[in-house]
PDB file of all heavy atoms in Angstrom:
ATOM      1  N   SER A   1      20.032   1.438  -6.807  1.00  0.00           N
ATOM      2  CA  SER A   1      18.560   1.515  -6.647  1.00  0.00           C
ATOM      3  C   SER A   1      18.116   2.901  -6.701  1.00  0.00           C
ATOM      4  O   SER A   1      18.788   3.685  -5.945  1.00  0.00           O
ATOM      5  CB  SER A   1      18.098   0.750  -5.416  1.00  0.00           C
ATOM      6  OG  SER A   1      18.357  -0.600  -5.518  1.00  0.00           O
ATOM      7  N   LEU A   2      17.128   3.279  -7.361  1.00  0.00           N
ATOM      8  CA  LEU A   2      16.291   4.569  -7.076  1.00  0.00           C
ATOM      9  C   LEU A   2      15.081   4.426  -6.362  1.00  0.00           C
ATOM     10  O   LEU A   2      13.998   3.713  -6.917  1.00  0.00           O
ATOM     11  CB  LEU A   2      16.150   5.165  -8.459  1.00  0.00           C
ATOM     12  CG  LEU A   2      17.387   5.395  -9.454  1.00  0.00           C
ATOM     13  CD1 LEU A   2      16.851   6.063 -10.789  1.00  0.00           C
ATOM     14  CD2 LEU A   2      18.348   6.286  -8.736  1.00  0.00           C
ATOM     15  N   ASN A   3      14.999   4.797  -5.157  1.00  0.00           N
ATOM     16  CA  ASN A   3      13.871   4.727  -4.296  1.00  0.00           C
ATOM     17  C   ASN A   3      13.144   6.113  -4.206  1.00  0.00           C
ATOM     18  O   ASN A   3      13.817   7.161  -4.335  1.00  0.00           O
ATOM     19  CB  ASN A   3      14.324   4.338  -2.921  1.00  0.00           C
ATOM     20  CG  ASN A   3      14.845   2.877  -2.979  1.00  0.00           C
ATOM     21  OD1 ASN A   3      14.317   1.905  -3.514  1.00  0.00           O
ATOM     22  ND2 ASN A   3      16.095   2.698  -2.262  1.00  0.00           N
ATOM     23  N   LYS A   4      11.866   5.969  -3.888  1.00  0.00           N
ATOM     24  CA  LYS A   4      11.081   7.142  -3.883  1.00  0.00           C
ATOM     25  C   LYS A   4       9.921   6.946  -3.059  1.00  0.00           C
ATOM     26  O   LYS A   4       9.494   5.831  -2.825  1.00  0.00           O
ATOM     27  CB  LYS A   4      10.746   7.843  -5.246  1.00  0.00           C
ATOM     28  CG  LYS A   4       9.987   6.830  -6.156  1.00  0.00           C
ATOM     29  CD  LYS A   4       9.595   7.392  -7.409  1.00  0.00           C
ATOM     30  CE  LYS A   4       8.984   6.320  -8.371  1.00  0.00           C
ATOM     31  NZ  LYS A   4       8.592   6.827  -9.675  1.00  0.00           N
ATOM     32  N   SER A   5       9.369   8.004  -2.443  1.00  0.00           N
ATOM     33  CA  SER A   5       8.207   7.804  -1.521  1.00  0.00           C
ATOM     34  C   SER A   5       7.023   7.183  -2.119  1.00  0.00           C
ATOM     35  O   SER A   5       6.224   6.413  -1.352  1.00  0.00           O
ATOM     36  CB  SER A   5       7.667   9.226  -1.027  1.00  0.00           C
ATOM     37  OG  SER A   5       7.270  10.114  -1.965  1.00  0.00           O
ATOM     38  N   THR A   6       6.761   7.252  -3.439  1.00  0.00           N
ATOM     39  CA  THR A   6       5.601   6.520  -4.034  1.00  0.00           C
ATOM     40  C   THR A   6       5.738   5.042  -3.951  1.00  0.00           C
ATOM     41  O   THR A   6       4.755   4.473  -4.045  1.00  0.00           O
ATOM     42  CB  THR A   6       5.474   7.033  -5.475  1.00  0.00           C
ATOM     43  OG1 THR A   6       6.644   6.822  -6.233  1.00  0.00           O
ATOM     44  CG2 THR A   6       5.079   8.524  -5.613  1.00  0.00           C
ATOM     45  N   ILE A   7       6.827   4.425  -3.811  1.00  0.00           N
ATOM     46  CA  ILE A   7       7.055   3.078  -3.794  1.00  0.00           C
ATOM     47  C   ILE A   7       6.489   2.617  -2.335  1.00  0.00           C
ATOM     48  O   ILE A   7       5.780   1.630  -2.394  1.00  0.00           O
ATOM     49  CB  ILE A   7       8.530   2.719  -3.698  1.00  0.00           C
ATOM     50  CG1 ILE A   7       9.211   2.947  -5.020  1.00  0.00           C
ATOM     51  CG2 ILE A   7       8.771   1.276  -3.286  1.00  0.00           C
ATOM     52  CD1 ILE A   7      10.755   2.663  -5.075  1.00  0.00           C
ATOM     53  N   LEU A   8       6.695   3.424  -1.338  1.00  0.00           N
ATOM     54  CA  LEU A   8       6.038   3.091  -0.014  1.00  0.00           C
ATOM     55  C   LEU A   8       4.525   3.246  -0.073  1.00  0.00           C
ATOM     56  O   LEU A   8       3.880   2.336   0.415  1.00  0.00           O
ATOM     57  CB  LEU A   8       6.597   4.019   1.039  1.00  0.00           C
ATOM     58  CG  LEU A   8       8.100   3.660   1.415  1.00  0.00           C
ATOM     59  CD1 LEU A   8       8.576   4.739   2.328  1.00  0.00           C
ATOM     60  CD2 LEU A   8       8.500   2.335   1.756  1.00  0.00           C
ATOM     61  N   THR A   9       3.957   4.505  -0.616  1.00  0.00           N
ATOM     62  CA  THR A   9       2.605   4.581  -0.686  1.00  0.00           C
ATOM     63  C   THR A   9       1.922   3.625  -1.409  1.00  0.00           C
ATOM     64  O   THR A   9       0.847   3.197  -1.055  1.00  0.00           O
ATOM     65  CB  THR A   9       2.405   6.056  -1.220  1.00  0.00           C
ATOM     66  OG1 THR A   9       3.055   6.301  -2.524  1.00  0.00           O
ATOM     67  CG2 THR A   9       2.821   7.156  -0.300  1.00  0.00           C
ATOM     68  N   ASN A  10       2.502   3.177  -2.584  1.00  0.00           N
ATOM     69  CA  ASN A  10       1.818   2.167  -3.346  1.00  0.00           C
ATOM     70  C   ASN A  10       1.663   0.838  -2.591  1.00  0.00           C
ATOM     71  O   ASN A  10       0.770   0.182  -2.565  1.00  0.00           O
ATOM     72  CB  ASN A  10       2.620   1.965  -4.749  1.00  0.00           C
ATOM     73  CG  ASN A  10       2.472   3.013  -5.688  1.00  0.00           C
ATOM     74  OD1 ASN A  10       1.620   3.929  -5.576  1.00  0.00           O
ATOM     75  ND2 ASN A  10       3.488   3.189  -6.459  1.00  0.00           N
ATOM     76  N   GLN A  11       2.742   0.487  -1.903  1.00  0.00           N
ATOM     77  CA  GLN A  11       2.705  -0.785  -1.043  1.00  0.00           C
ATOM     78  C   GLN A  11       1.669  -0.717   0.014  1.00  0.00           C
ATOM     79  O   GLN A  11       0.946  -1.529   0.383  1.00  0.00           O
ATOM     80  CB  GLN A  11       4.149  -1.056  -0.555  1.00  0.00           C
ATOM     81  CG  GLN A  11       5.162  -1.457  -1.528  1.00  0.00           C
ATOM     82  CD  GLN A  11       4.853  -2.895  -2.092  1.00  0.00           C
ATOM     83  OE1 GLN A  11       4.608  -3.789  -1.234  1.00  0.00           O
ATOM     84  NE2 GLN A  11       4.948  -3.013  -3.314  1.00  0.00           N
ATOM     85  N   LEU A  12       1.740   0.579   0.608  1.00  0.00           N
ATOM     86  CA  LEU A  12       0.678   0.784   1.826  1.00  0.00           C
ATOM     87  C   LEU A  12      -0.652   0.706   1.272  1.00  0.00           C
ATOM     88  O   LEU A  12      -1.581   0.277   1.776  1.00  0.00           O
ATOM     89  CB  LEU A  12       1.049   2.121   2.382  1.00  0.00           C
ATOM     90  CG  LEU A  12       2.407   2.251   3.118  1.00  0.00           C
ATOM     91  CD1 LEU A  12       2.626   3.670   3.573  1.00  0.00           C
ATOM     92  CD2 LEU A  12       2.285   1.284   4.439  1.00  0.00           C
ATOM     93  N   ASP A  13      -0.945   1.408  -0.020  1.00  0.00           N
ATOM     94  CA  ASP A  13      -2.257   1.287  -0.489  1.00  0.00           C
ATOM     95  C   ASP A  13      -2.678  -0.172  -0.749  1.00  0.00           C
ATOM     96  O   ASP A  13      -3.996  -0.435  -0.518  1.00  0.00           O
ATOM     97  CB  ASP A  13      -2.320   2.060  -1.802  1.00  0.00           C
ATOM     98  CG  ASP A  13      -2.284   3.606  -1.456  1.00  0.00           C
ATOM     99  OD1 ASP A  13      -2.571   3.992  -0.474  1.00  0.00           O
ATOM    100  OD2 ASP A  13      -1.913   4.379  -2.537  1.00  0.00           O
ATOM    101  N   GLN A  14      -1.874  -0.927  -1.245  1.00  0.00           N
ATOM    102  CA  GLN A  14      -2.185  -2.304  -1.409  1.00  0.00           C
ATOM    103  C   GLN A  14      -2.658  -3.007  -0.154  1.00  0.00           C
ATOM    104  O   GLN A  14      -3.485  -3.735  -0.018  1.00  0.00           O
ATOM    105  CB  GLN A  14      -1.016  -3.158  -2.106  1.00  0.00           C
ATOM    106  CG  GLN A  14      -0.805  -2.669  -3.561  1.00  0.00           C
ATOM    107  CD  GLN A  14       0.245  -3.466  -4.033  1.00  0.00           C
ATOM    108  OE1 GLN A  14       0.794  -4.563  -3.735  1.00  0.00           O
ATOM    109  NE2 GLN A  14       0.753  -2.933  -5.316  1.00  0.00           N
ATOM    110  N   LEU A  15      -1.714  -2.770   0.832  1.00  0.00           N
ATOM    111  CA  LEU A  15      -1.950  -3.407   2.209  1.00  0.00           C
ATOM    112  C   LEU A  15      -3.282  -2.837   2.805  1.00  0.00           C
ATOM    113  O   LEU A  15      -4.132  -3.605   3.332  1.00  0.00           O
ATOM    114  CB  LEU A  15      -0.776  -2.998   3.172  1.00  0.00           C
ATOM    115  CG  LEU A  15      -1.037  -3.474   4.587  1.00  0.00           C
ATOM    116  CD1 LEU A  15      -1.033  -4.991   4.824  1.00  0.00           C
ATOM    117  CD2 LEU A  15       0.258  -2.938   5.445  1.00  0.00           C
ATOM    118  N   PHE A  16      -3.581  -1.581   2.759  1.00  0.00           N
ATOM    119  CA  PHE A  16      -4.721  -1.049   3.286  1.00  0.00           C
ATOM    120  C   PHE A  16      -5.874  -1.473   2.549  1.00  0.00           C
ATOM    121  O   PHE A  16      -7.029  -1.554   3.066  1.00  0.00           O
ATOM    122  CB  PHE A  16      -4.600   0.590   3.262  1.00  0.00           C
ATOM    123  CG  PHE A  16      -3.796   1.105   4.269  1.00  0.00           C
ATOM    124  CD1 PHE A  16      -3.036   2.193   3.913  1.00  0.00           C
ATOM    125  CD2 PHE A  16      -3.390   0.493   5.484  1.00  0.00           C
ATOM    126  CE1 PHE A  16      -2.070   2.778   4.852  1.00  0.00           C
ATOM    127  CE2 PHE A  16      -2.541   1.003   6.345  1.00  0.00           C
ATOM    128  CZ  PHE A  16      -1.762   2.100   6.052  1.00  0.00           C
ATOM    129  N   GLY A  17      -5.871  -1.743   1.208  1.00  0.00           N
ATOM    130  CA  GLY A  17      -6.843  -2.219   0.474  1.00  0.00           C
ATOM    131  C   GLY A  17      -7.282  -3.640   0.909  1.00  0.00           C
ATOM    132  O   GLY A  17      -8.536  -3.908   1.002  1.00  0.00           O
ATOM    133  N   ILE A  18      -6.366  -4.416   1.211  1.00  0.00           N
ATOM    134  CA  ILE A  18      -6.612  -5.748   1.698  1.00  0.00           C
ATOM    135  C   ILE A  18      -7.407  -5.646   3.017  1.00  0.00           C
ATOM    136  O   ILE A  18      -8.305  -6.411   3.317  1.00  0.00           O
ATOM    137  CB  ILE A  18      -5.397  -6.620   1.903  1.00  0.00           C
ATOM    138  CG1 ILE A  18      -4.729  -6.930   0.382  1.00  0.00           C
ATOM    139  CG2 ILE A  18      -5.636  -7.977   2.490  1.00  0.00           C
ATOM    140  CD1 ILE A  18      -3.371  -7.569   0.298  1.00  0.00           C
ATOM    141  N   ILE A  19      -6.785  -4.898   4.006  1.00  0.00           N
ATOM    142  CA  ILE A  19      -7.452  -4.673   5.276  1.00  0.00           C
ATOM    143  C   ILE A  19      -8.926  -4.228   5.120  1.00  0.00           C
ATOM    144  O   ILE A  19      -9.773  -4.755   5.859  1.00  0.00           O
ATOM    145  CB  ILE A  19      -6.536  -3.820   6.103  1.00  0.00           C
ATOM    146  CG1 ILE A  19      -5.278  -4.388   6.441  1.00  0.00           C
ATOM    147  CG2 ILE A  19      -7.288  -3.516   7.421  1.00  0.00           C
ATOM    148  CD1 ILE A  19      -4.218  -3.473   7.154  1.00  0.00           C
ATOM    149  N   ASN A  20      -9.090  -3.115   4.272  1.00  0.00           N
ATOM    150  CA  ASN A  20     -10.354  -2.718   4.019  1.00  0.00           C
ATOM    151  C   ASN A  20     -11.474  -3.678   3.632  1.00  0.00           C
ATOM    152  O   ASN A  20     -12.523  -3.927   4.101  1.00  0.00           O
ATOM    153  CB  ASN A  20     -10.422  -1.505   3.145  1.00  0.00           C
ATOM    154  CG  ASN A  20     -10.461  -0.215   3.758  1.00  0.00           C
ATOM    155  OD1 ASN A  20     -11.052  -0.124   4.815  1.00  0.00           O
ATOM    156  ND2 ASN A  20      -9.909   0.853   3.157  1.00  0.00           N
ATOM    157  N   LYS A  21     -10.884  -4.533   2.637  1.00  0.00           N
ATOM    158  CA  LYS A  21     -11.805  -5.645   2.120  1.00  0.00           C
ATOM    159  C   LYS A  21     -12.133  -6.707   3.216  1.00  0.00           C
ATOM    160  O   LYS A  21     -13.347  -7.101   3.212  1.00  0.00           O
ATOM    161  CB  LYS A  21     -11.067  -6.315   0.902  1.00  0.00           C
ATOM    162  CG  LYS A  21     -10.975  -5.508  -0.305  1.00  0.00           C
ATOM    163  CD  LYS A  21     -10.343  -6.115  -1.429  1.00  0.00           C
ATOM    164  CE  LYS A  21     -10.246  -5.252  -2.596  1.00  0.00           C
ATOM    165  NZ  LYS A  21      -9.348  -5.956  -3.876  1.00  0.00           N
ATOM    166  N   GLY A  22     -11.110  -7.022   3.997  1.00  0.00           N
ATOM    167  CA  GLY A  22     -11.314  -8.055   5.047  1.00  0.00           C
ATOM    168  C   GLY A  22     -12.347  -7.449   6.074  1.00  0.00           C
ATOM    169  O   GLY A  22     -13.302  -8.249   6.511  1.00  0.00           O
ATOM    170  N   GLY A  23     -12.123  -6.164   6.468  1.00  0.00           N
ATOM    171  CA  GLY A  23     -13.051  -5.564   7.462  1.00  0.00           C
ATOM    172  C   GLY A  23     -14.523  -5.470   6.884  1.00  0.00           C
ATOM    173  O   GLY A  23     -15.568  -5.664   7.514  1.00  0.00           O
ATOM    174  N   PHE A  24     -14.570  -5.152   5.494  1.00  0.00           N
ATOM    175  CA  PHE A  24     -15.966  -5.096   4.822  1.00  0.00           C
ATOM    176  C   PHE A  24     -16.675  -6.411   4.806  1.00  0.00           C
ATOM    177  O   PHE A  24     -17.866  -6.460   5.078  1.00  0.00           O
ATOM    178  CB  PHE A  24     -15.711  -4.503   3.491  1.00  0.00           C
ATOM    179  CG  PHE A  24     -17.127  -4.412   2.760  1.00  0.00           C
ATOM    180  CD1 PHE A  24     -17.923  -3.314   2.983  1.00  0.00           C
ATOM    181  CD2 PHE A  24     -17.505  -5.333   1.815  1.00  0.00           C
ATOM    182  CE1 PHE A  24     -19.214  -3.150   2.288  1.00  0.00           C
ATOM    183  CE2 PHE A  24     -18.671  -5.238   1.232  1.00  0.00           C
ATOM    184  CZ  PHE A  24     -19.492  -4.184   1.414  1.00  0.00           C
TER     185      PHE A  24
END
């Protein structure tokens, strides 16, 4: 497996996008 920090940031952006939409 080749892992990198952008894998985490992409997953976090998706999660935060859902939270933002819910709060909005």
